[in-house]
Amino acid sequence: MNARFDGRVVLITGGAGALAGATAQAFAERGATVVLAARDPDHAAEAAARIRPGGGKVDWIAADVIAGRVSDPAEVAATVLWLASDESSFVVGHDLVVDDGATA
């Protein structure tokens, strides 16, 4: 992948997994702002921390979106609150969603 993604936001579900992490790294290296959505906040934070030293703009959010299961209201509310907070001020929409396979 040689394209540049400057000014673009990429949302990656399953963001704490190895495949999602490598994908996030590739997009971040090419200028994208990456948002990792993952069930485990500790793993999501670790994945984001691996990307940042390379200069990537990355953030994460704990979210559980699994095929066959609807997120409970608290999960949805937490996602909405994060999106409405100053922490997510860099997210003005998304340009690309990468599904790590859990919801496909």
PDB file of N, CA and C in Angstrom:
ATOM      1  N   MET A   1       0.848  -1.167   0.000  1.00  0.00           N
ATOM      2  CA  MET A   1       0.000   0.000   0.000  1.00  0.00           C
ATOM      3  C   MET A   1       0.895   1.232   0.000  1.00  0.00           C
ATOM      4  N   ASN A   2       0.837   2.019  -1.063  1.00  0.00           N
ATOM      5  CA  ASN A   2       1.665   3.208  -1.175  1.00  0.00           C
ATOM      6  C   ASN A   2       0.869   4.496  -1.083  1.00  0.00           C
ATOM      7  N   ALA A   3      -0.443   4.406  -1.051  1.00  0.00           N
ATOM      8  CA  ALA A   3      -1.296   5.594  -1.024  1.00  0.00           C
ATOM      9  C   ALA A   3      -1.114   6.354   0.283  1.00  0.00           C
ATOM     10  N   ARG A   4      -1.392   7.647   0.248  1.00  0.00           N
ATOM     11  CA  ARG A   4      -1.375   8.489   1.442  1.00  0.00           C
ATOM     12  C   ARG A   4      -2.808   8.666   1.932  1.00  0.00           C
ATOM     13  N   PHE A   5      -2.974   8.767   3.234  1.00  0.00           N
ATOM     14  CA  PHE A   5      -4.288   8.912   3.843  1.00  0.00           C
ATOM     15  C   PHE A   5      -4.329  10.121   4.773  1.00  0.00           C
ATOM     16  N   ASP A   6      -3.524  11.126   4.486  1.00  0.00           N
ATOM     17  CA  ASP A   6      -3.489  12.331   5.298  1.00  0.00           C
ATOM     18  C   ASP A   6      -4.888  12.945   5.383  1.00  0.00           C
ATOM     19  N   GLY A   7      -5.288  13.326   6.603  1.00  0.00           N
ATOM     20  CA  GLY A   7      -6.590  13.943   6.803  1.00  0.00           C
ATOM     21  C   GLY A   7      -7.752  12.973   6.819  1.00  0.00           C
ATOM     22  N   ARG A   8      -7.478  11.682   6.724  1.00  0.00           N
ATOM     23  CA  ARG A   8      -8.537  10.664   6.721  1.00  0.00           C
ATOM     24  C   ARG A   8      -8.598   9.984   8.078  1.00  0.00           C
ATOM     25  N   VAL A   9      -9.788   9.519   8.453  1.00  0.00           N
ATOM     26  CA  VAL A   9      -9.982   8.779   9.695  1.00  0.00           C
ATOM     27  C   VAL A   9     -10.348   7.352   9.338  1.00  0.00           C
ATOM     28  N   VAL A  10      -9.635   6.399   9.926  1.00  0.00           N
ATOM     29  CA  VAL A  10      -9.884   4.983   9.685  1.00  0.00           C
ATOM     30  C   VAL A  10     -10.312   4.353  11.012  1.00  0.00           C
ATOM     31  N   LEU A  11     -11.492   3.759  11.032  1.00  0.00           N
ATOM     32  CA  LEU A  11     -12.014   3.058  12.199  1.00  0.00           C
ATOM     33  C   LEU A  11     -11.763   1.573  12.006  1.00  0.00           C
ATOM     34  N   ILE A  12     -11.079   0.954  12.962  1.00  0.00           N
ATOM     35  CA  ILE A  12     -10.748  -0.465  12.855  1.00  0.00           C
ATOM     36  C   ILE A  12     -11.372  -1.210  14.023  1.00  0.00           C
ATOM     37  N   THR A  13     -12.309  -2.125  13.709  1.00  0.00           N
ATOM     38  CA  THR A  13     -12.909  -2.947  14.755  1.00  0.00           C
ATOM     39  C   THR A  13     -11.997  -4.138  15.017  1.00  0.00           C
ATOM     40  N   GLY A  14     -12.140  -4.716  16.194  1.00  0.00           N
ATOM     41  CA  GLY A  14     -11.228  -5.800  16.567  1.00  0.00           C
ATOM     42  C   GLY A  14      -9.825  -5.249  16.709  1.00  0.00           C
ATOM     43  N   GLY A  15      -9.759  -3.981  17.115  1.00  0.00           N
ATOM     44  CA  GLY A  15      -8.524  -3.203  17.062  1.00  0.00           C
ATOM     45  C   GLY A  15      -7.369  -3.692  17.903  1.00  0.00           C
ATOM     46  N   ALA A  16      -7.596  -4.620  18.814  1.00  0.00           N
ATOM     47  CA  ALA A  16      -6.502  -5.102  19.645  1.00  0.00           C
ATOM     48  C   ALA A  16      -5.836  -6.351  19.066  1.00  0.00           C
ATOM     49  N   GLY A  17      -6.392  -6.902  17.999  1.00  0.00           N
ATOM     50  CA  GLY A  17      -5.824  -8.108  17.401  1.00  0.00           C
ATOM     51  C   GLY A  17      -4.586  -7.826  16.569  1.00  0.00           C
ATOM     52  N   ALA A  18      -3.839  -8.878  16.272  1.00  0.00           N
ATOM     53  CA  ALA A  18      -2.586  -8.725  15.512  1.00  0.00           C
ATOM     54  C   ALA A  18      -2.831  -8.200  14.107  1.00  0.00           C
ATOM     55  N   LEU A  19      -3.821  -8.733  13.416  1.00  0.00           N
ATOM     56  CA  LEU A  19      -4.113  -8.280  12.055  1.00  0.00           C
ATOM     57  C   LEU A  19      -4.569  -6.827  12.060  1.00  0.00           C
ATOM     58  N   ALA A  20      -5.467  -6.502  12.985  1.00  0.00           N
ATOM     59  CA  ALA A  20      -5.948  -5.124  13.078  1.00  0.00           C
ATOM     60  C   ALA A  20      -4.816  -4.182  13.457  1.00  0.00           C
ATOM     61  N   GLY A  21      -3.940  -4.618  14.352  1.00  0.00           N
ATOM     62  CA  GLY A  21      -2.804  -3.785  14.753  1.00  0.00           C
ATOM     63  C   GLY A  21      -1.865  -3.485  13.596  1.00  0.00           C
ATOM     64  N   ALA A  22      -1.585  -4.500  12.795  1.00  0.00           N
ATOM     65  CA  ALA A  22      -0.718  -4.291  11.629  1.00  0.00           C
ATOM     66  C   ALA A  22      -1.387  -3.377  10.610  1.00  0.00           C
ATOM     67  N   THR A  23      -2.694  -3.544  10.447  1.00  0.00           N
ATOM     68  CA  THR A  23      -3.440  -2.685   9.520  1.00  0.00           C
ATOM     69  C   THR A  23      -3.438  -1.251  10.024  1.00  0.00           C
ATOM     70  N   ALA A  24      -3.676  -1.077  11.320  1.00  0.00           N
ATOM     71  CA  ALA A  24      -3.660   0.257  11.920  1.00  0.00           C
ATOM     72  C   ALA A  24      -2.297   0.914  11.748  1.00  0.00           C
ATOM     73  N   GLN A  25      -1.251   0.157  11.974  1.00  0.00           N
ATOM     74  CA  GLN A  25       0.120   0.678  11.814  1.00  0.00           C
ATOM     75  C   GLN A  25       0.349   1.160  10.386  1.00  0.00           C
ATOM     76  N   ALA A  26      -0.078   0.368   9.419  1.00  0.00           N
ATOM     77  CA  ALA A  26       0.110   0.725   8.013  1.00  0.00           C
ATOM     78  C   ALA A  26      -0.630   2.012   7.658  1.00  0.00           C
ATOM     79  N   PHE A  27      -1.874   2.147   8.135  1.00  0.00           N
ATOM     80  CA  PHE A  27      -2.625   3.368   7.845  1.00  0.00           C
ATOM     81  C   PHE A  27      -2.017   4.572   8.563  1.00  0.00           C
ATOM     82  N   ALA A  28      -1.608   4.396   9.816  1.00  0.00           N
ATOM     83  CA  ALA A  28      -1.013   5.497  10.576  1.00  0.00           C
ATOM     84  C   ALA A  28       0.287   5.977   9.928  1.00  0.00           C
ATOM     85  N   GLU A  29       1.092   5.041   9.456  1.00  0.00           N
ATOM     86  CA  GLU A  29       2.347   5.405   8.794  1.00  0.00           C
ATOM     87  C   GLU A  29       2.115   6.196   7.515  1.00  0.00           C
ATOM     88  N   ARG A  30       0.922   6.064   6.967  1.00  0.00           N
ATOM     89  CA  ARG A  30       0.590   6.761   5.723  1.00  0.00           C
ATOM     90  C   ARG A  30      -0.302   7.982   5.960  1.00  0.00           C
ATOM     91  N   GLY A  31      -0.327   8.449   7.221  1.00  0.00           N
ATOM     92  CA  GLY A  31      -0.961   9.715   7.519  1.00  0.00           C
ATOM     93  C   GLY A  31      -2.368   9.682   8.064  1.00  0.00           C
ATOM     94  N   ALA A  32      -2.993   8.518   8.130  1.00  0.00           N
ATOM     95  CA  ALA A  32      -4.372   8.446   8.624  1.00  0.00           C
ATOM     96  C   ALA A  32      -4.415   8.625  10.135  1.00  0.00           C
ATOM     97  N   THR A  33      -5.512   9.139  10.618  1.00  0.00           N
ATOM     98  CA  THR A  33      -5.828   9.094  12.034  1.00  0.00           C
ATOM     99  C   THR A  33      -6.598   7.798  12.229  1.00  0.00           C
ATOM    100  N   VAL A  34      -6.133   6.977  13.144  1.00  0.00           N
ATOM    101  CA  VAL A  34      -6.710   5.648  13.334  1.00  0.00           C
ATOM    102  C   VAL A  34      -7.450   5.593  14.662  1.00  0.00           C
ATOM    103  N   VAL A  35      -8.647   5.027  14.646  1.00  0.00           N
ATOM    104  CA  VAL A  35      -9.411   4.763  15.864  1.00  0.00           C
ATOM    105  C   VAL A  35      -9.573   3.253  15.963  1.00  0.00           C
ATOM    106  N   LEU A  36      -9.055   2.685  17.040  1.00  0.00           N
ATOM    107  CA  LEU A  36      -9.169   1.252  17.286  1.00  0.00           C
ATOM    108  C   LEU A  36     -10.373   1.005  18.186  1.00  0.00           C
ATOM    109  N   ALA A  37     -11.294   0.175  17.753  1.00  0.00           N
ATOM    110  CA  ALA A  37     -12.431  -0.230  18.580  1.00  0.00           C
ATOM    111  C   ALA A  37     -12.191  -1.675  18.996  1.00  0.00           C
ATOM    112  N   ALA A  38     -12.129  -1.905  20.301  1.00  0.00           N
ATOM    113  CA  ALA A  38     -11.811  -3.250  20.789  1.00  0.00           C
ATOM    114  C   ALA A  38     -12.585  -3.528  22.073  1.00  0.00           C
ATOM    115  N   ARG A  39     -12.820  -4.811  22.343  1.00  0.00           N
ATOM    116  CA  ARG A  39     -13.552  -5.207  23.553  1.00  0.00           C
ATOM    117  C   ARG A  39     -12.743  -4.973  24.813  1.00  0.00           C
ATOM    118  N   ASP A  40     -11.452  -5.192  24.751  1.00  0.00           N
ATOM    119  CA  ASP A  40     -10.608  -5.126  25.939  1.00  0.00           C
ATOM    120  C   ASP A  40      -9.853  -3.798  25.970  1.00  0.00           C
ATOM    121  N   PRO A  41     -10.178  -2.919  26.911  1.00  0.00           N
ATOM    122  CA  PRO A  41      -9.523  -1.611  26.930  1.00  0.00           C
ATOM    123  C   PRO A  41      -8.011  -1.684  27.141  1.00  0.00           C
ATOM    124  N   ASP A  42      -7.546  -2.650  27.921  1.00  0.00           N
ATOM    125  CA  ASP A  42      -6.104  -2.766  28.142  1.00  0.00           C
ATOM    126  C   ASP A  42      -5.381  -3.135  26.856  1.00  0.00           C
ATOM    127  N   HIS A  43      -5.924  -4.108  26.128  1.00  0.00           N
ATOM    128  CA  HIS A  43      -5.297  -4.505  24.860  1.00  0.00           C
ATOM    129  C   HIS A  43      -5.376  -3.394  23.821  1.00  0.00           C
ATOM    130  N   ALA A  44      -6.491  -2.665  23.813  1.00  0.00           N
ATOM    131  CA  ALA A  44      -6.634  -1.554  22.871  1.00  0.00           C
ATOM    132  C   ALA A  44      -5.605  -0.472  23.166  1.00  0.00           C
ATOM    133  N   ALA A  45      -5.422  -0.152  24.442  1.00  0.00           N
ATOM    134  CA  ALA A  45      -4.434   0.860  24.829  1.00  0.00           C
ATOM    135  C   ALA A  45      -3.023   0.413  24.461  1.00  0.00           C
ATOM    136  N   GLU A  46      -2.722  -0.867  24.653  1.00  0.00           N
ATOM    137  CA  GLU A  46      -1.408  -1.405  24.282  1.00  0.00           C
ATOM    138  C   GLU A  46      -1.185  -1.319  22.775  1.00  0.00           C
ATOM    139  N   ALA A  47      -2.207  -1.655  22.004  1.00  0.00           N
ATOM    140  CA  ALA A  47      -2.093  -1.592  20.549  1.00  0.00           C
ATOM    141  C   ALA A  47      -1.843  -0.155  20.105  1.00  0.00           C
ATOM    142  N   ALA A  48      -2.556   0.798  20.690  1.00  0.00           N
ATOM    143  CA  ALA A  48      -2.360   2.207  20.342  1.00  0.00           C
ATOM    144  C   ALA A  48      -0.961   2.662  20.730  1.00  0.00           C
ATOM    145  N   ALA A  49      -0.488   2.218  21.882  1.00  0.00           N
ATOM    146  CA  ALA A  49       0.848   2.613  22.349  1.00  0.00           C
ATOM    147  C   ALA A  49       1.951   2.091  21.420  1.00  0.00           C
ATOM    148  N   ARG A  50       1.726   0.968  20.768  1.00  0.00           N
ATOM    149  CA  ARG A  50       2.727   0.440  19.828  1.00  0.00           C
ATOM    150  C   ARG A  50       2.803   1.286  18.559  1.00  0.00           C
ATOM    151  N   ILE A  51       1.717   1.957  18.215  1.00  0.00           N
ATOM    152  CA  ILE A  51       1.661   2.738  16.984  1.00  0.00           C
ATOM    153  C   ILE A  51       2.210   4.150  17.190  1.00  0.00           C
ATOM    154  N   ARG A  52       1.947   4.754  18.335  1.00  0.00           N
ATOM    155  CA  ARG A  52       2.309   6.151  18.586  1.00  0.00           C
ATOM    156  C   ARG A  52       3.793   6.471  18.427  1.00  0.00           C
ATOM    157  N   PRO A  53       4.721   5.614  18.875  1.00  0.00           N
ATOM    158  CA  PRO A  53       6.136   5.976  18.737  1.00  0.00           C
ATOM    159  C   PRO A  53       6.574   6.233  17.298  1.00  0.00           C
ATOM    160  N   GLY A  54       5.871   5.650  16.346  1.00  0.00           N
ATOM    161  CA  GLY A  54       6.194   5.875  14.940  1.00  0.00           C
ATOM    162  C   GLY A  54       5.594   7.171  14.405  1.00  0.00           C
ATOM    163  N   GLY A  55       4.955   7.943  15.292  1.00  0.00           N
ATOM    164  CA  GLY A  55       4.376   9.207  14.880  1.00  0.00           C
ATOM    165  C   GLY A  55       2.931   9.108  14.440  1.00  0.00           C
ATOM    166  N   GLY A  56       2.331   7.932  14.598  1.00  0.00           N
ATOM    167  CA  GLY A  56       0.946   7.755  14.164  1.00  0.00           C
ATOM    168  C   GLY A  56      -0.041   8.422  15.092  1.00  0.00           C
ATOM    169  N   LYS A  57      -1.094   8.985  14.510  1.00  0.00           N
ATOM    170  CA  LYS A  57      -2.198   9.539  15.293  1.00  0.00           C
ATOM    171  C   LYS A  57      -3.192   8.414  15.500  1.00  0.00           C
ATOM    172  N   VAL A  58      -3.326   7.997  16.741  1.00  0.00           N
ATOM    173  CA  VAL A  58      -4.187   6.850  17.032  1.00  0.00           C
ATOM    174  C   VAL A  58      -4.859   7.043  18.381  1.00  0.00           C
ATOM    175  N   ASP A  59      -6.081   6.596  18.470  1.00  0.00           N
ATOM    176  CA  ASP A  59      -6.804   6.564  19.726  1.00  0.00           C
ATOM    177  C   ASP A  59      -7.588   5.264  19.744  1.00  0.00           C
ATOM    178  N   TRP A  60      -8.182   4.952  20.852  1.00  0.00           N
ATOM    179  CA  TRP A  60      -8.927   3.712  20.963  1.00  0.00           C
ATOM    180  C   TRP A  60     -10.192   3.952  21.763  1.00  0.00           C
ATOM    181  N   ILE A  61     -11.121   3.045  21.592  1.00  0.00           N
ATOM    182  CA  ILE A  61     -12.354   3.059  22.360  1.00  0.00           C
ATOM    183  C   ILE A  61     -12.741   1.611  22.639  1.00  0.00           C
ATOM    184  N   ALA A  62     -13.206   1.361  23.858  1.00  0.00           N
ATOM    185  CA  ALA A  62     -13.695   0.027  24.201  1.00  0.00           C
ATOM    186  C   ALA A  62     -15.095  -0.118  23.620  1.00  0.00           C
ATOM    187  N   ALA A  63     -15.277  -1.096  22.771  1.00  0.00           N
ATOM    188  CA  ALA A  63     -16.571  -1.346  22.141  1.00  0.00           C
ATOM    189  C   ALA A  63     -16.657  -2.825  21.817  1.00  0.00           C
ATOM    190  N   ASP A  64     -17.815  -3.393  22.010  1.00  0.00           N
ATOM    191  CA  ASP A  64     -18.015  -4.818  21.764  1.00  0.00           C
ATOM    192  C   ASP A  64     -19.115  -4.979  20.727  1.00  0.00           C
ATOM    193  N   VAL A  65     -18.722  -5.330  19.531  1.00  0.00           N
ATOM    194  CA  VAL A  65     -19.678  -5.532  18.449  1.00  0.00           C
ATOM    195  C   VAL A  65     -19.424  -6.924  17.890  1.00  0.00           C
ATOM    196  N   ILE A  66     -20.203  -7.887  18.350  1.00  0.00           N
ATOM    197  CA  ILE A  66     -19.988  -9.271  17.949  1.00  0.00           C
ATOM    198  C   ILE A  66     -21.222  -9.768  17.197  1.00  0.00           C
ATOM    199  N   ALA A  67     -20.982 -10.483  16.110  1.00  0.00           N
ATOM    200  CA  ALA A  67     -22.094 -11.053  15.347  1.00  0.00           C
ATOM    201  C   ALA A  67     -22.925 -11.934  16.272  1.00  0.00           C
ATOM    202  N   GLY A  68     -24.220 -11.799  16.154  1.00  0.00           N
ATOM    203  CA  GLY A  68     -25.097 -12.620  16.964  1.00  0.00           C
ATOM    204  C   GLY A  68     -25.396 -12.055  18.335  1.00  0.00           C
ATOM    205  N   ARG A  69     -24.815 -10.904  18.638  1.00  0.00           N
ATOM    206  CA  ARG A  69     -25.074 -10.295  19.940  1.00  0.00           C
ATOM    207  C   ARG A  69     -25.182  -8.792  19.767  1.00  0.00           C
ATOM    208  N   VAL A  70     -26.218  -8.232  20.288  1.00  0.00           N
ATOM    209  CA  VAL A  70     -26.397  -6.785  20.237  1.00  0.00           C
ATOM    210  C   VAL A  70     -25.735  -6.195  21.473  1.00  0.00           C
ATOM    211  N   SER A  71     -24.982  -5.119  21.309  1.00  0.00           N
ATOM    212  CA  SER A  71     -24.356  -4.457  22.452  1.00  0.00           C
ATOM    213  C   SER A  71     -25.420  -4.001  23.437  1.00  0.00           C
ATOM    214  N   ASP A  72     -25.070  -4.049  24.713  1.00  0.00           N
ATOM    215  CA  ASP A  72     -26.048  -3.597  25.701  1.00  0.00           C
ATOM    216  C   ASP A  72     -26.055  -2.069  25.758  1.00  0.00           C
ATOM    217  N   PRO A  73     -27.092  -1.485  26.324  1.00  0.00           N
ATOM    218  CA  PRO A  73     -27.222  -0.029  26.335  1.00  0.00           C
ATOM    219  C   PRO A  73     -26.030   0.700  26.954  1.00  0.00           C
ATOM    220  N   ALA A  74     -25.409   0.122  27.974  1.00  0.00           N
ATOM    221  CA  ALA A  74     -24.260   0.774  28.605  1.00  0.00           C
ATOM    222  C   ALA A  74     -23.086   0.890  27.629  1.00  0.00           C
ATOM    223  N   GLU A  75     -22.885  -0.137  26.805  1.00  0.00           N
ATOM    224  CA  GLU A  75     -21.808  -0.089  25.802  1.00  0.00           C
ATOM    225  C   GLU A  75     -22.077   0.985  24.762  1.00  0.00           C
ATOM    226  N   VAL A  76     -23.304   1.054  24.306  1.00  0.00           N
ATOM    227  CA  VAL A  76     -23.675   2.061  23.322  1.00  0.00           C
ATOM    228  C   VAL A  76     -23.523   3.457  23.929  1.00  0.00           C
ATOM    229  N   ALA A  77     -23.993   3.626  25.164  1.00  0.00           N
ATOM    230  CA  ALA A  77     -23.896   4.922  25.841  1.00  0.00           C
ATOM    231  C   ALA A  77     -22.443   5.341  26.014  1.00  0.00           C
ATOM    232  N   ALA A  78     -21.571   4.404  26.388  1.00  0.00           N
ATOM    233  CA  ALA A  78     -20.148   4.728  26.557  1.00  0.00           C
ATOM    234  C   ALA A  78     -19.530   5.181  25.245  1.00  0.00           C
ATOM    235  N   THR A  79     -19.902   4.540  24.158  1.00  0.00           N
ATOM    236  CA  THR A  79     -19.391   4.926  22.842  1.00  0.00           C
ATOM    237  C   THR A  79     -19.864   6.326  22.470  1.00  0.00           C
ATOM    238  N   VAL A  80     -21.127   6.597  22.685  1.00  0.00           N
ATOM    239  CA  VAL A  80     -21.684   7.916  22.366  1.00  0.00           C
ATOM    240  C   VAL A  80     -21.023   8.992  23.224  1.00  0.00           C
ATOM    241  N   LEU A  81     -20.857   8.728  24.524  1.00  0.00           N
ATOM    242  CA  LEU A  81     -20.215   9.704  25.402  1.00  0.00           C
ATOM    243  C   LEU A  81     -18.788   9.999  24.964  1.00  0.00           C
ATOM    244  N   TRP A  82     -18.047   8.964  24.575  1.00  0.00           N
ATOM    245  CA  TRP A  82     -16.670   9.186  24.104  1.00  0.00           C
ATOM    246  C   TRP A  82     -16.678  10.030  22.840  1.00  0.00           C
ATOM    247  N   LEU A  83     -17.556   9.712  21.903  1.00  0.00           N
ATOM    248  CA  LEU A  83     -17.611  10.474  20.656  1.00  0.00           C
ATOM    249  C   LEU A  83     -18.002  11.932  20.898  1.00  0.00           C
ATOM    250  N   ALA A  84     -18.750  12.192  21.957  1.00  0.00           N
ATOM    251  CA  ALA A  84     -19.164  13.556  22.277  1.00  0.00           C
ATOM    252  C   ALA A  84     -18.158  14.284  23.168  1.00  0.00           C
ATOM    253  N   SER A  85     -17.125  13.591  23.604  1.00  0.00           N
ATOM    254  CA  SER A  85     -16.160  14.185  24.532  1.00  0.00           C
ATOM    255  C   SER A  85     -15.024  14.897  23.787  1.00  0.00           C
ATOM    256  N   ASP A  86     -14.261  15.672  24.540  1.00  0.00           N
ATOM    257  CA  ASP A  86     -13.091  16.340  23.971  1.00  0.00           C
ATOM    258  C   ASP A  86     -12.033  15.334  23.524  1.00  0.00           C
ATOM    259  N   GLU A  87     -11.998  14.153  24.155  1.00  0.00           N
ATOM    260  CA  GLU A  87     -11.017  13.134  23.785  1.00  0.00           C
ATOM    261  C   GLU A  87     -11.129  12.723  22.320  1.00  0.00           C
ATOM    262  N   SER A  88     -12.318  12.800  21.773  1.00  0.00           N
ATOM    263  CA  SER A  88     -12.511  12.372  20.391  1.00  0.00           C
ATOM    264  C   SER A  88     -12.633  13.551  19.437  1.00  0.00           C
ATOM    265  N   SER A  89     -12.173  14.717  19.861  1.00  0.00           N
ATOM    266  CA  SER A  89     -12.362  15.922  19.044  1.00  0.00           C
ATOM    267  C   SER A  89     -11.702  15.833  17.673  1.00  0.00           C
ATOM    268  N   PHE A  90     -10.711  14.949  17.531  1.00  0.00           N
ATOM    269  CA  PHE A  90     -10.057  14.792  16.232  1.00  0.00           C
ATOM    270  C   PHE A  90     -10.902  13.972  15.254  1.00  0.00           C
ATOM    271  N   VAL A  91     -11.924  13.294  15.761  1.00  0.00           N
ATOM    272  CA  VAL A  91     -12.773  12.472  14.905  1.00  0.00           C
ATOM    273  C   VAL A  91     -13.948  13.327  14.435  1.00  0.00           C
ATOM    274  N   VAL A  92     -13.966  13.637  13.166  1.00  0.00           N
ATOM    275  CA  VAL A  92     -15.046  14.443  12.615  1.00  0.00           C
ATOM    276  C   VAL A  92     -15.869  13.622  11.626  1.00  0.00           C
ATOM    277  N   GLY A  93     -15.715  12.348  11.700  1.00  0.00           N
ATOM    278  CA  GLY A  93     -16.354  11.416  10.779  1.00  0.00           C
ATOM    279  C   GLY A  93     -15.323  10.359  10.453  1.00  0.00           C
ATOM    280  N   HIS A  94     -15.719   9.343   9.759  1.00  0.00           N
ATOM    281  CA  HIS A  94     -14.741   8.341   9.351  1.00  0.00           C
ATOM    282  C   HIS A  94     -14.768   8.233   7.839  1.00  0.00           C
ATOM    283  N   ASP A  95     -13.628   7.880   7.309  1.00  0.00           N
ATOM    284  CA  ASP A  95     -13.494   7.724   5.864  1.00  0.00           C
ATOM    285  C   ASP A  95     -13.459   6.261   5.460  1.00  0.00           C
ATOM    286  N   LEU A  96     -13.060   5.393   6.380  1.00  0.00           N
ATOM    287  CA  LEU A  96     -12.892   3.989   6.065  1.00  0.00           C
ATOM    288  C   LEU A  96     -13.091   3.177   7.331  1.00  0.00           C
ATOM    289  N   VAL A  97     -13.845   2.101   7.244  1.00  0.00           N
ATOM    290  CA  VAL A  97     -14.004   1.174   8.365  1.00  0.00           C
ATOM    291  C   VAL A  97     -13.339  -0.134   7.976  1.00  0.00           C
ATOM    292  N   VAL A  98     -12.463  -0.643   8.842  1.00  0.00           N
ATOM    293  CA  VAL A  98     -11.808  -1.935   8.631  1.00  0.00           C
ATOM    294  C   VAL A  98     -12.340  -2.876   9.695  1.00  0.00           C
ATOM    295  N   ASP A  99     -13.027  -3.938   9.272  1.00  0.00           N
ATOM    296  CA  ASP A  99     -13.601  -4.924  10.177  1.00  0.00           C
ATOM    297  C   ASP A  99     -12.632  -6.082  10.287  1.00  0.00           C
ATOM    298  N   ASP A 100     -12.158  -6.345  11.507  1.00  0.00           N
ATOM    299  CA  ASP A 100     -11.179  -7.416  11.715  1.00  0.00           C
ATOM    300  C   ASP A 100     -11.797  -8.804  11.650  1.00  0.00           C
ATOM    301  N   GLY A 101     -13.042  -8.897  11.231  1.00  0.00           N
ATOM    302  CA  GLY A 101     -13.621 -10.204  10.980  1.00  0.00           C
ATOM    303  C   GLY A 101     -14.621 -10.675  11.996  1.00  0.00           C
ATOM    304  N   ALA A 102     -14.634 -10.088  13.187  1.00  0.00           N
ATOM    305  CA  ALA A 102     -15.544 -10.553  14.220  1.00  0.00           C
ATOM    306  C   ALA A 102     -16.998 -10.253  13.875  1.00  0.00           C
ATOM    307  N   THR A 103     -17.240  -9.234  13.075  1.00  0.00           N
ATOM    308  CA  THR A 103     -18.616  -8.883  12.751  1.00  0.00           C
ATOM    309  C   THR A 103     -18.982  -9.207  11.321  1.00  0.00           C
ATOM    310  N   ALA A 104     -18.061  -9.760  10.580  1.00  0.00           N
ATOM    311  CA  ALA A 104     -18.326 -10.058   9.160  1.00  0.00           C
ATOM    312  C   ALA A 104     -19.205 -11.270   9.012  1.00  0.00           C
TER     313      ALA A 104
END
